[in-house]
Amino acid sequence: MNGSSAFHIILSVTFMVFLFGGLCEAGVVVNVDIINDIGPNVQLGLHCKSKDKDLGPQSLAPQQHWGFRKTLDFWGVTLFFCHFEWENQSKWFDILVAGRDRNTCAEHPCVWSIRPSGPCRLTGKEKCFPWNDQY
């Protein structure tokens, strides 16, 4: 085998590893924890999903927690969104966005306090976000 053939084989193997490695999970696992902080005596309904996975409807009493665990994809485009309902309110929020949450939530659970004004991520320095625009 001459040097040129060896180079092409190495290049081909590297390309295949990169290509198929991208189709597998990247290994960064994020735990998402959602807390009902809407208010006293207010039940929170929520339904979270991605384009591929539906986590089903949930109902949380005040201060009750619910969560899920997700391994982020190689490409950094993992997205889970949730629909929240309470009293006469109906809101949406992207609860797990790989690009936004990867660094903050890789080593500690990504804890979200759901409030009437919007969700607040408690992990790291507390940061509150606006609700998504209605579709």
N, C-alpha and C. Protein backbone atom coordinates (compact mmCIF):
# COMPACT_ATOMS: atom_id res chain seq x y z
N MET A 1 0.86 -1.18 0.00
CA MET A 1 0.00 0.00 0.00
C MET A 1 0.90 1.23 0.00
N ASN A 2 0.67 2.12 -0.95
CA ASN A 2 1.51 3.31 -1.00
C ASN A 2 0.95 4.39 -0.08
N GLY A 3 1.67 5.47 0.08
CA GLY A 3 1.29 6.53 1.00
C GLY A 3 -0.02 7.20 0.65
N SER A 4 -0.30 7.36 -0.64
CA SER A 4 -1.53 8.01 -1.08
C SER A 4 -2.76 7.17 -0.71
N SER A 5 -2.68 5.86 -0.88
CA SER A 5 -3.79 4.97 -0.53
C SER A 5 -4.04 4.98 0.97
N ALA A 6 -2.96 4.95 1.75
CA ALA A 6 -3.10 4.97 3.21
C ALA A 6 -3.76 6.28 3.65
N PHE A 7 -3.37 7.38 3.02
CA PHE A 7 -3.95 8.68 3.36
C PHE A 7 -5.46 8.68 3.06
N HIS A 8 -5.85 8.14 1.91
CA HIS A 8 -7.26 8.10 1.55
C HIS A 8 -8.07 7.21 2.48
N ILE A 9 -7.48 6.11 2.91
CA ILE A 9 -8.17 5.22 3.86
C ILE A 9 -8.38 5.93 5.20
N ILE A 10 -7.33 6.57 5.68
CA ILE A 10 -7.42 7.29 6.95
C ILE A 10 -8.44 8.42 6.84
N LEU A 11 -8.41 9.15 5.74
CA LEU A 11 -9.36 10.23 5.53
C LEU A 11 -10.79 9.70 5.47
N SER A 12 -10.99 8.58 4.78
CA SER A 12 -12.33 7.98 4.67
C SER A 12 -12.84 7.50 6.02
N VAL A 13 -11.99 6.85 6.79
CA VAL A 13 -12.38 6.37 8.12
C VAL A 13 -12.72 7.55 9.03
N THR A 14 -11.92 8.59 8.98
CA THR A 14 -12.19 9.78 9.79
C THR A 14 -13.53 10.39 9.42
N PHE A 15 -13.81 10.49 8.12
CA PHE A 15 -15.08 11.04 7.66
C PHE A 15 -16.24 10.18 8.14
N MET A 16 -16.12 8.87 8.04
CA MET A 16 -17.20 7.97 8.45
C MET A 16 -17.45 8.07 9.96
N VAL A 17 -16.39 8.16 10.74
CA VAL A 17 -16.54 8.29 12.20
C VAL A 17 -17.28 9.59 12.51
N PHE A 18 -16.90 10.67 11.84
CA PHE A 18 -17.55 11.95 12.07
C PHE A 18 -19.01 11.90 11.63
N LEU A 19 -19.25 11.34 10.45
CA LEU A 19 -20.60 11.27 9.92
C LEU A 19 -21.51 10.44 10.81
N PHE A 20 -21.12 9.21 11.11
CA PHE A 20 -21.98 8.34 11.90
C PHE A 20 -21.95 8.67 13.38
N GLY A 21 -20.86 9.26 13.84
CA GLY A 21 -20.80 9.71 15.23
C GLY A 21 -21.82 10.80 15.49
N GLY A 22 -22.07 11.62 14.47
CA GLY A 22 -23.05 12.70 14.59
C GLY A 22 -24.47 12.19 14.71
N LEU A 23 -24.71 10.98 14.24
CA LEU A 23 -26.05 10.41 14.33
C LEU A 23 -26.32 9.80 15.70
N CYS A 24 -25.28 9.61 16.48
CA CYS A 24 -25.41 9.04 17.82
C CYS A 24 -25.55 10.17 18.84
N GLU A 25 -25.81 9.81 20.05
CA GLU A 25 -25.93 10.79 21.12
C GLU A 25 -24.54 11.33 21.48
N ALA A 26 -24.49 12.58 21.85
CA ALA A 26 -23.22 13.24 22.16
C ALA A 26 -22.73 12.89 23.56
N GLY A 27 -23.59 12.45 24.43
CA GLY A 27 -23.17 12.06 25.76
C GLY A 27 -23.44 13.09 26.84
N VAL A 28 -23.85 14.32 26.49
CA VAL A 28 -24.17 15.32 27.50
C VAL A 28 -25.61 15.08 27.94
N VAL A 29 -25.77 14.66 29.17
CA VAL A 29 -27.10 14.37 29.71
C VAL A 29 -27.57 15.56 30.53
N VAL A 30 -28.80 15.98 30.27
CA VAL A 30 -29.39 17.11 31.01
C VAL A 30 -30.64 16.60 31.72
N ASN A 31 -30.71 16.89 33.02
CA ASN A 31 -31.91 16.61 33.81
C ASN A 31 -32.70 17.91 33.92
N VAL A 32 -33.95 17.87 33.52
CA VAL A 32 -34.82 19.04 33.59
C VAL A 32 -35.81 18.82 34.74
N ASP A 33 -35.92 19.80 35.62
CA ASP A 33 -36.84 19.74 36.76
C ASP A 33 -37.73 20.97 36.70
N ILE A 34 -39.04 20.76 36.67
CA ILE A 34 -40.02 21.84 36.55
C ILE A 34 -40.80 21.94 37.86
N ILE A 35 -40.89 23.16 38.40
CA ILE A 35 -41.58 23.41 39.66
C ILE A 35 -42.79 24.31 39.42
N ASN A 36 -43.93 23.96 39.98
CA ASN A 36 -45.12 24.80 39.90
C ASN A 36 -45.00 25.93 40.93
N ASP A 37 -44.63 27.12 40.45
CA ASP A 37 -44.58 28.32 41.29
C ASP A 37 -45.60 29.35 40.82
N ILE A 38 -46.71 28.87 40.24
CA ILE A 38 -47.74 29.76 39.73
C ILE A 38 -48.40 30.54 40.86
N GLY A 39 -48.63 29.88 41.97
CA GLY A 39 -49.26 30.55 43.11
C GLY A 39 -49.90 29.53 44.02
N PRO A 40 -50.29 29.96 45.23
CA PRO A 40 -50.92 29.04 46.17
C PRO A 40 -52.26 28.55 45.63
N ASN A 41 -52.52 27.28 45.83
CA ASN A 41 -53.79 26.65 45.45
C ASN A 41 -54.08 26.68 43.95
N VAL A 42 -53.03 26.80 43.12
CA VAL A 42 -53.23 26.81 41.67
C VAL A 42 -52.54 25.59 41.06
N GLN A 43 -53.35 24.74 40.48
CA GLN A 43 -52.86 23.54 39.79
C GLN A 43 -52.27 23.95 38.44
N LEU A 44 -51.14 23.35 38.06
CA LEU A 44 -50.48 23.64 36.79
C LEU A 44 -50.53 22.40 35.90
N GLY A 45 -51.13 22.55 34.74
CA GLY A 45 -51.09 21.49 33.74
C GLY A 45 -49.96 21.76 32.78
N LEU A 46 -49.25 20.72 32.39
CA LEU A 46 -48.16 20.90 31.43
C LEU A 46 -48.06 19.69 30.52
N HIS A 47 -47.53 19.93 29.34
CA HIS A 47 -47.35 18.87 28.35
C HIS A 47 -46.09 19.22 27.57
N CYS A 48 -45.04 18.40 27.75
CA CYS A 48 -43.74 18.65 27.12
C CYS A 48 -43.48 17.64 26.02
N LYS A 49 -42.82 18.11 24.96
CA LYS A 49 -42.46 17.21 23.87
C LYS A 49 -41.38 17.83 23.00
N SER A 50 -40.79 16.97 22.18
CA SER A 50 -39.86 17.40 21.14
C SER A 50 -40.50 16.99 19.81
N LYS A 51 -39.77 17.16 18.73
CA LYS A 51 -40.35 16.73 17.45
C LYS A 51 -40.46 15.22 17.37
N ASP A 52 -39.68 14.50 18.20
CA ASP A 52 -39.65 13.04 18.16
C ASP A 52 -40.29 12.35 19.35
N LYS A 53 -40.39 13.05 20.48
CA LYS A 53 -40.81 12.38 21.72
C LYS A 53 -41.84 13.22 22.47
N ASP A 54 -42.95 12.58 22.79
CA ASP A 54 -44.02 13.21 23.55
C ASP A 54 -43.97 12.67 24.98
N LEU A 55 -43.76 13.55 25.96
CA LEU A 55 -43.64 13.11 27.35
C LEU A 55 -44.98 13.00 28.06
N GLY A 56 -46.04 13.36 27.37
CA GLY A 56 -47.38 13.20 27.93
C GLY A 56 -47.79 14.33 28.86
N PRO A 57 -49.09 14.44 29.10
CA PRO A 57 -49.59 15.49 29.99
C PRO A 57 -49.27 15.20 31.45
N GLN A 58 -49.04 16.26 32.21
CA GLN A 58 -48.74 16.18 33.64
C GLN A 58 -49.59 17.22 34.35
N SER A 59 -49.78 17.01 35.64
CA SER A 59 -50.50 17.97 36.47
C SER A 59 -49.73 18.14 37.77
N LEU A 60 -49.40 19.38 38.10
CA LEU A 60 -48.60 19.65 39.30
C LEU A 60 -49.37 20.51 40.29
N ALA A 61 -49.38 20.07 41.52
CA ALA A 61 -49.92 20.88 42.61
C ALA A 61 -48.91 21.99 42.91
N PRO A 62 -49.29 23.02 43.65
CA PRO A 62 -48.34 24.08 43.99
C PRO A 62 -47.07 23.51 44.64
N GLN A 63 -45.95 23.98 44.18
CA GLN A 63 -44.61 23.60 44.65
C GLN A 63 -44.21 22.16 44.29
N GLN A 64 -45.05 21.45 43.58
CA GLN A 64 -44.71 20.08 43.16
C GLN A 64 -43.74 20.14 41.99
N HIS A 65 -42.86 19.11 41.93
CA HIS A 65 -41.85 19.00 40.88
C HIS A 65 -42.21 17.87 39.92
N TRP A 66 -41.76 18.02 38.69
CA TRP A 66 -41.80 16.94 37.69
C TRP A 66 -40.63 17.18 36.76
N GLY A 67 -40.06 16.11 36.23
CA GLY A 67 -38.93 16.32 35.35
C GLY A 67 -38.68 15.18 34.39
N PHE A 68 -37.66 15.38 33.57
CA PHE A 68 -37.24 14.37 32.61
C PHE A 68 -35.75 14.50 32.38
N ARG A 69 -35.20 13.48 31.76
CA ARG A 69 -33.76 13.40 31.49
C ARG A 69 -33.58 13.22 29.99
N LYS A 70 -32.65 13.97 29.40
CA LYS A 70 -32.44 13.89 27.96
C LYS A 70 -30.95 14.00 27.65
N THR A 71 -30.48 13.12 26.76
CA THR A 71 -29.12 13.22 26.25
C THR A 71 -29.15 14.13 25.03
N LEU A 72 -28.35 15.18 25.05
CA LEU A 72 -28.34 16.14 23.95
C LEU A 72 -27.72 15.53 22.71
N ASP A 73 -28.24 15.90 21.56
CA ASP A 73 -27.72 15.36 20.31
C ASP A 73 -26.37 15.99 19.95
N PHE A 74 -25.66 15.33 19.07
CA PHE A 74 -24.32 15.75 18.65
C PHE A 74 -24.33 17.15 18.04
N TRP A 75 -25.37 17.46 17.28
CA TRP A 75 -25.41 18.70 16.52
C TRP A 75 -25.80 19.91 17.35
N GLY A 76 -26.22 19.69 18.59
CA GLY A 76 -26.58 20.81 19.47
C GLY A 76 -27.91 21.45 19.12
N VAL A 77 -28.84 20.67 18.60
CA VAL A 77 -30.15 21.22 18.22
C VAL A 77 -31.30 20.60 19.01
N THR A 78 -31.01 19.88 20.09
CA THR A 78 -32.07 19.29 20.91
C THR A 78 -32.99 20.40 21.40
N LEU A 79 -34.30 20.16 21.27
CA LEU A 79 -35.29 21.13 21.69
C LEU A 79 -36.49 20.40 22.28
N PHE A 80 -36.87 20.76 23.49
CA PHE A 80 -38.11 20.31 24.11
C PHE A 80 -38.90 21.55 24.47
N PHE A 81 -40.18 21.55 24.12
CA PHE A 81 -41.04 22.67 24.44
C PHE A 81 -42.21 22.16 25.27
N CYS A 82 -42.75 23.04 26.10
CA CYS A 82 -43.86 22.67 26.98
C CYS A 82 -45.00 23.66 26.84
N HIS A 83 -46.20 23.11 26.94
CA HIS A 83 -47.41 23.91 26.98
C HIS A 83 -47.88 23.90 28.44
N PHE A 84 -48.10 25.07 28.99
CA PHE A 84 -48.52 25.21 30.39
C PHE A 84 -49.92 25.81 30.44
N GLU A 85 -50.75 25.27 31.33
CA GLU A 85 -52.11 25.79 31.51
C GLU A 85 -52.43 25.89 32.99
N TRP A 86 -53.03 27.01 33.37
CA TRP A 86 -53.55 27.19 34.72
C TRP A 86 -54.66 28.23 34.65
N GLU A 87 -55.63 28.06 35.50
CA GLU A 87 -56.79 28.94 35.54
C GLU A 87 -57.21 29.27 34.10
N ASN A 88 -57.16 30.53 33.68
CA ASN A 88 -57.57 30.87 32.31
C ASN A 88 -56.36 31.18 31.41
N GLN A 89 -55.19 30.69 31.79
CA GLN A 89 -53.96 30.98 31.05
C GLN A 89 -53.50 29.76 30.23
N SER A 90 -52.90 30.04 29.09
CA SER A 90 -52.32 29.01 28.22
C SER A 90 -51.03 29.58 27.64
N LYS A 91 -49.88 28.99 28.00
CA LYS A 91 -48.58 29.54 27.61
C LYS A 91 -47.68 28.43 27.07
N TRP A 92 -46.70 28.82 26.25
CA TRP A 92 -45.70 27.92 25.69
C TRP A 92 -44.32 28.41 26.06
N PHE A 93 -43.39 27.43 26.21
CA PHE A 93 -41.99 27.80 26.44
C PHE A 93 -41.08 26.66 26.00
N ASP A 94 -39.94 27.01 25.41
CA ASP A 94 -38.92 26.04 25.04
C ASP A 94 -38.10 25.72 26.29
N ILE A 95 -38.43 24.62 26.94
CA ILE A 95 -37.88 24.31 28.26
C ILE A 95 -36.45 23.75 28.19
N LEU A 96 -36.08 23.14 27.07
CA LEU A 96 -34.72 22.63 26.89
C LEU A 96 -34.25 22.99 25.49
N VAL A 97 -33.27 23.87 25.43
CA VAL A 97 -32.66 24.29 24.17
C VAL A 97 -31.17 24.01 24.32
N ALA A 98 -30.65 23.09 23.53
CA ALA A 98 -29.26 22.65 23.68
C ALA A 98 -28.29 23.83 23.71
N GLY A 99 -28.40 24.73 22.75
CA GLY A 99 -27.47 25.86 22.68
C GLY A 99 -27.53 26.77 23.89
N ARG A 100 -28.71 26.94 24.46
CA ARG A 100 -28.89 27.82 25.62
C ARG A 100 -28.51 27.13 26.93
N ASP A 101 -28.84 25.83 27.05
CA ASP A 101 -28.77 25.15 28.34
C ASP A 101 -27.58 24.20 28.52
N ARG A 102 -26.89 23.87 27.44
CA ARG A 102 -25.83 22.86 27.51
C ARG A 102 -24.81 23.16 28.62
N ASN A 103 -24.25 24.34 28.63
CA ASN A 103 -23.19 24.65 29.60
C ASN A 103 -23.74 24.81 31.01
N THR A 104 -24.87 25.47 31.16
CA THR A 104 -25.44 25.73 32.48
C THR A 104 -25.95 24.46 33.15
N CYS A 105 -26.53 23.55 32.35
CA CYS A 105 -27.23 22.40 32.92
C CYS A 105 -26.53 21.06 32.71
N ALA A 106 -25.30 21.06 32.25
CA ALA A 106 -24.61 19.80 31.99
C ALA A 106 -24.21 19.08 33.29
N GLU A 107 -23.87 19.84 34.32
CA GLU A 107 -23.39 19.22 35.56
C GLU A 107 -24.38 19.29 36.71
N HIS A 108 -25.41 20.09 36.56
CA HIS A 108 -26.44 20.24 37.59
C HIS A 108 -27.80 20.19 36.92
N PRO A 109 -28.83 19.71 37.63
CA PRO A 109 -30.17 19.69 37.02
C PRO A 109 -30.58 21.09 36.56
N CYS A 110 -31.25 21.14 35.45
CA CYS A 110 -31.78 22.39 34.91
C CYS A 110 -33.13 22.61 35.57
N VAL A 111 -33.16 23.41 36.63
CA VAL A 111 -34.36 23.60 37.44
C VAL A 111 -35.10 24.85 36.97
N TRP A 112 -36.38 24.65 36.63
CA TRP A 112 -37.22 25.73 36.13
C TRP A 112 -38.37 26.00 37.11
N SER A 113 -38.50 27.25 37.51
CA SER A 113 -39.61 27.71 38.33
C SER A 113 -40.62 28.33 37.37
N ILE A 114 -41.82 27.73 37.29
CA ILE A 114 -42.84 28.23 36.38
C ILE A 114 -43.70 29.25 37.13
N ARG A 115 -43.64 30.50 36.68
CA ARG A 115 -44.32 31.62 37.32
C ARG A 115 -45.27 32.29 36.32
N PRO A 116 -46.27 33.01 36.78
CA PRO A 116 -47.18 33.67 35.84
C PRO A 116 -46.47 34.61 34.86
N SER A 117 -45.40 35.26 35.31
CA SER A 117 -44.67 36.21 34.45
C SER A 117 -43.77 35.51 33.43
N GLY A 118 -43.47 34.23 33.65
CA GLY A 118 -42.62 33.47 32.75
C GLY A 118 -41.76 32.49 33.51
N PRO A 119 -41.13 31.55 32.82
CA PRO A 119 -40.27 30.56 33.47
C PRO A 119 -38.94 31.18 33.90
N CYS A 120 -38.44 30.76 35.04
CA CYS A 120 -37.14 31.21 35.53
C CYS A 120 -36.25 29.99 35.74
N ARG A 121 -35.07 30.03 35.11
CA ARG A 121 -34.10 28.94 35.31
C ARG A 121 -33.33 29.26 36.58
N LEU A 122 -33.41 28.36 37.56
CA LEU A 122 -32.78 28.57 38.86
C LEU A 122 -31.35 28.05 38.90
N THR A 123 -30.98 27.21 37.95
CA THR A 123 -29.63 26.64 37.90
C THR A 123 -28.64 27.74 37.55
N GLY A 124 -27.50 27.76 38.28
CA GLY A 124 -26.54 28.84 38.07
C GLY A 124 -27.13 30.12 38.63
N LYS A 125 -26.89 31.23 37.95
CA LYS A 125 -27.50 32.49 38.36
C LYS A 125 -28.94 32.50 37.85
N GLU A 126 -29.90 32.80 38.72
CA GLU A 126 -31.31 32.79 38.31
C GLU A 126 -31.52 33.73 37.13
N LYS A 127 -32.23 33.19 36.12
CA LYS A 127 -32.52 33.98 34.93
C LYS A 127 -33.95 33.69 34.49
N CYS A 128 -34.73 34.75 34.35
CA CYS A 128 -36.12 34.59 33.92
C CYS A 128 -36.25 34.91 32.43
N PHE A 129 -37.19 34.22 31.80
CA PHE A 129 -37.40 34.32 30.37
C PHE A 129 -38.85 34.68 30.10
N PRO A 130 -39.12 35.33 28.98
CA PRO A 130 -40.52 35.59 28.61
C PRO A 130 -41.15 34.32 28.03
N TRP A 131 -42.46 34.26 28.08
CA TRP A 131 -43.17 33.17 27.43
C TRP A 131 -42.96 33.27 25.92
N ASN A 132 -43.02 32.14 25.22
CA ASN A 132 -42.98 32.15 23.76
C ASN A 132 -44.21 32.87 23.23
N ASP A 133 -44.08 33.44 22.06
CA ASP A 133 -45.26 33.99 21.38
C ASP A 133 -46.22 32.85 21.09
N GLN A 134 -47.49 33.14 21.14
CA GLN A 134 -48.50 32.12 20.83
C GLN A 134 -48.48 31.83 19.34
N TYR A 135 -48.69 30.59 19.00
CA TYR A 135 -48.66 30.18 17.59
C TYR A 135 -50.03 30.26 16.99
